[in-house]
């Protein structure tokens, strides 16, 4: 699926504020939580996410859903990351 198709699919799934996010190389978003459930689909590059002690490296085509209030950390890879993100309240 391309970016437009992913945005359409997530919107159909009930996600709001679906947008493309570009993060620079090696950006570290640290430990944080969201007040809503989020979904992330990687379009380019990679991110390393740590959630509940488990580390995952997410690359192009990978999808991750993070429940509301889940503590996690995210760090971009050396090429940065482009992903589509949406939220559910």
C-alpha atoms as a PDB file:
ATOM      1  CA  UNK A   1       0.000   0.000   0.000  1.00  0.00           C
ATOM      2  CA  UNK A   2       1.136   3.521  -0.673  1.00  0.00           C
ATOM      3  CA  UNK A   3       0.828   6.473   1.725  1.00  0.00           C
ATOM      4  CA  UNK A   4      -2.615   7.582   0.464  1.00  0.00           C
ATOM      5  CA  UNK A   5      -4.006   4.053   0.734  1.00  0.00           C
ATOM      6  CA  UNK A   6      -2.663   3.680   4.275  1.00  0.00           C
ATOM      7  CA  UNK A   7      -4.213   6.987   5.344  1.00  0.00           C
ATOM      8  CA  UNK A   8      -7.558   5.965   3.830  1.00  0.00           C
ATOM      9  CA  UNK A   9      -7.448   2.531   5.510  1.00  0.00           C
ATOM     10  CA  UNK A  10      -6.646   3.937   8.949  1.00  0.00           C
ATOM     11  CA  UNK A  11      -9.413   6.528   8.594  1.00  0.00           C
ATOM     12  CA  UNK A  12     -11.842   3.727   7.687  1.00  0.00           C
ATOM     13  CA  UNK A  13     -10.676   1.842  10.801  1.00  0.00           C
ATOM     14  CA  UNK A  14     -11.789   4.811  12.911  1.00  0.00           C
ATOM     15  CA  UNK A  15      -8.460   6.515  13.516  1.00  0.00           C
ATOM     16  CA  UNK A  16      -8.537  10.321  13.696  1.00  0.00           C
ATOM     17  CA  UNK A  17      -5.896  12.923  12.854  1.00  0.00           C
ATOM     18  CA  UNK A  18      -4.219  10.470  10.479  1.00  0.00           C
ATOM     19  CA  UNK A  19      -1.088  12.172   9.221  1.00  0.00           C
ATOM     20  CA  UNK A  20       2.406  11.536   7.921  1.00  0.00           C
ATOM     21  CA  UNK A  21       5.177  12.235  10.431  1.00  0.00           C
ATOM     22  CA  UNK A  22       8.836  12.745   9.487  1.00  0.00           C
ATOM     23  CA  UNK A  23      11.467  12.299  12.181  1.00  0.00           C
ATOM     24  CA  UNK A  24      15.162  13.125  11.791  1.00  0.00           C
ATOM     25  CA  UNK A  25      17.997  10.606  12.090  1.00  0.00           C
ATOM     26  CA  UNK A  26      18.674   9.307  15.597  1.00  0.00           C
ATOM     27  CA  UNK A  27      15.905  11.376  17.217  1.00  0.00           C
ATOM     28  CA  UNK A  28      15.177   9.998  20.664  1.00  0.00           C
ATOM     29  CA  UNK A  29      11.608  10.571  21.845  1.00  0.00           C
ATOM     30  CA  UNK A  30      12.421   9.070  25.239  1.00  0.00           C
ATOM     31  CA  UNK A  31       9.977   7.413  27.611  1.00  0.00           C
ATOM     32  CA  UNK A  32       6.427   8.712  27.225  1.00  0.00           C
ATOM     33  CA  UNK A  33       2.734   7.851  27.092  1.00  0.00           C
ATOM     34  CA  UNK A  34      -0.229   9.026  25.002  1.00  0.00           C
ATOM     35  CA  UNK A  35      -3.705   9.998  26.216  1.00  0.00           C
ATOM     36  CA  UNK A  36      -5.178   8.024  23.333  1.00  0.00           C
ATOM     37  CA  UNK A  37      -4.495   4.792  21.468  1.00  0.00           C
ATOM     38  CA  UNK A  38      -2.124   5.300  18.534  1.00  0.00           C
ATOM     39  CA  UNK A  39      -1.184   3.408  15.399  1.00  0.00           C
ATOM     40  CA  UNK A  40       2.058   3.833  13.459  1.00  0.00           C
ATOM     41  CA  UNK A  41       2.917   2.398  10.039  1.00  0.00           C
ATOM     42  CA  UNK A  42       6.506   2.831   8.874  1.00  0.00           C
ATOM     43  CA  UNK A  43       6.962   4.162   5.325  1.00  0.00           C
ATOM     44  CA  UNK A  44      10.732   4.769   5.351  1.00  0.00           C
ATOM     45  CA  UNK A  45      13.629   4.180   7.725  1.00  0.00           C
ATOM     46  CA  UNK A  46      13.228   2.531  11.082  1.00  0.00           C
ATOM     47  CA  UNK A  47      12.447   3.109  14.730  1.00  0.00           C
ATOM     48  CA  UNK A  48      13.422   1.147  17.798  1.00  0.00           C
ATOM     49  CA  UNK A  49      10.607   0.916  20.304  1.00  0.00           C
ATOM     50  CA  UNK A  50      10.770  -0.379  23.862  1.00  0.00           C
ATOM     51  CA  UNK A  51       7.453  -1.297  25.476  1.00  0.00           C
ATOM     52  CA  UNK A  52       7.033  -3.365  28.650  1.00  0.00           C
ATOM     53  CA  UNK A  53      10.702  -4.379  28.529  1.00  0.00           C
ATOM     54  CA  UNK A  54      10.441  -5.687  24.954  1.00  0.00           C
ATOM     55  CA  UNK A  55      12.523  -4.074  22.204  1.00  0.00           C
ATOM     56  CA  UNK A  56      11.306  -4.103  18.598  1.00  0.00           C
ATOM     57  CA  UNK A  57      12.939  -2.611  15.515  1.00  0.00           C
ATOM     58  CA  UNK A  58      10.186  -1.493  13.143  1.00  0.00           C
ATOM     59  CA  UNK A  59      10.960  -1.050   9.452  1.00  0.00           C
ATOM     60  CA  UNK A  60       9.130  -0.206   6.229  1.00  0.00           C
ATOM     61  CA  UNK A  61       5.684  -1.803   6.178  1.00  0.00           C
ATOM     62  CA  UNK A  62       5.591  -2.595   9.900  1.00  0.00           C
ATOM     63  CA  UNK A  63       2.539  -1.566  11.902  1.00  0.00           C
ATOM     64  CA  UNK A  64       2.388  -1.059  15.649  1.00  0.00           C
ATOM     65  CA  UNK A  65      -0.619  -0.178  17.783  1.00  0.00           C
ATOM     66  CA  UNK A  66      -0.008   1.357  21.199  1.00  0.00           C
ATOM     67  CA  UNK A  67      -2.866   1.286  23.723  1.00  0.00           C
ATOM     68  CA  UNK A  68      -3.833   4.457  25.593  1.00  0.00           C
ATOM     69  CA  UNK A  69      -1.567   5.111  28.578  1.00  0.00           C
ATOM     70  CA  UNK A  70       1.109   2.578  27.582  1.00  0.00           C
ATOM     71  CA  UNK A  71       4.592   3.669  28.637  1.00  0.00           C
ATOM     72  CA  UNK A  72       7.102   3.242  25.822  1.00  0.00           C
ATOM     73  CA  UNK A  73      10.189   4.814  24.252  1.00  0.00           C
ATOM     74  CA  UNK A  74      11.058   5.432  20.609  1.00  0.00           C
ATOM     75  CA  UNK A  75      14.357   6.159  18.867  1.00  0.00           C
ATOM     76  CA  UNK A  76      14.780   6.724  15.125  1.00  0.00           C
ATOM     77  CA  UNK A  77      17.383   4.910  13.111  1.00  0.00           C
ATOM     78  CA  UNK A  78      20.367   6.534  11.362  1.00  0.00           C
ATOM     79  CA  UNK A  79      18.283   7.401   8.264  1.00  0.00           C
ATOM     80  CA  UNK A  80      15.409   8.905  10.241  1.00  0.00           C
ATOM     81  CA  UNK A  81      11.852   7.722   9.845  1.00  0.00           C
ATOM     82  CA  UNK A  82       8.701   8.562   7.929  1.00  0.00           C
ATOM     83  CA  UNK A  83       5.494   7.037   9.245  1.00  0.00           C
ATOM     84  CA  UNK A  84       1.750   7.402   9.078  1.00  0.00           C
ATOM     85  CA  UNK A  85       0.216   7.927  12.523  1.00  0.00           C
ATOM     86  CA  UNK A  86      -3.377   8.009  13.734  1.00  0.00           C
ATOM     87  CA  UNK A  87      -5.158   8.218  17.103  1.00  0.00           C
ATOM     88  CA  UNK A  88      -8.295   6.762  18.680  1.00  0.00           C
ATOM     89  CA  UNK A  89      -9.795   8.323  21.776  1.00  0.00           C
END
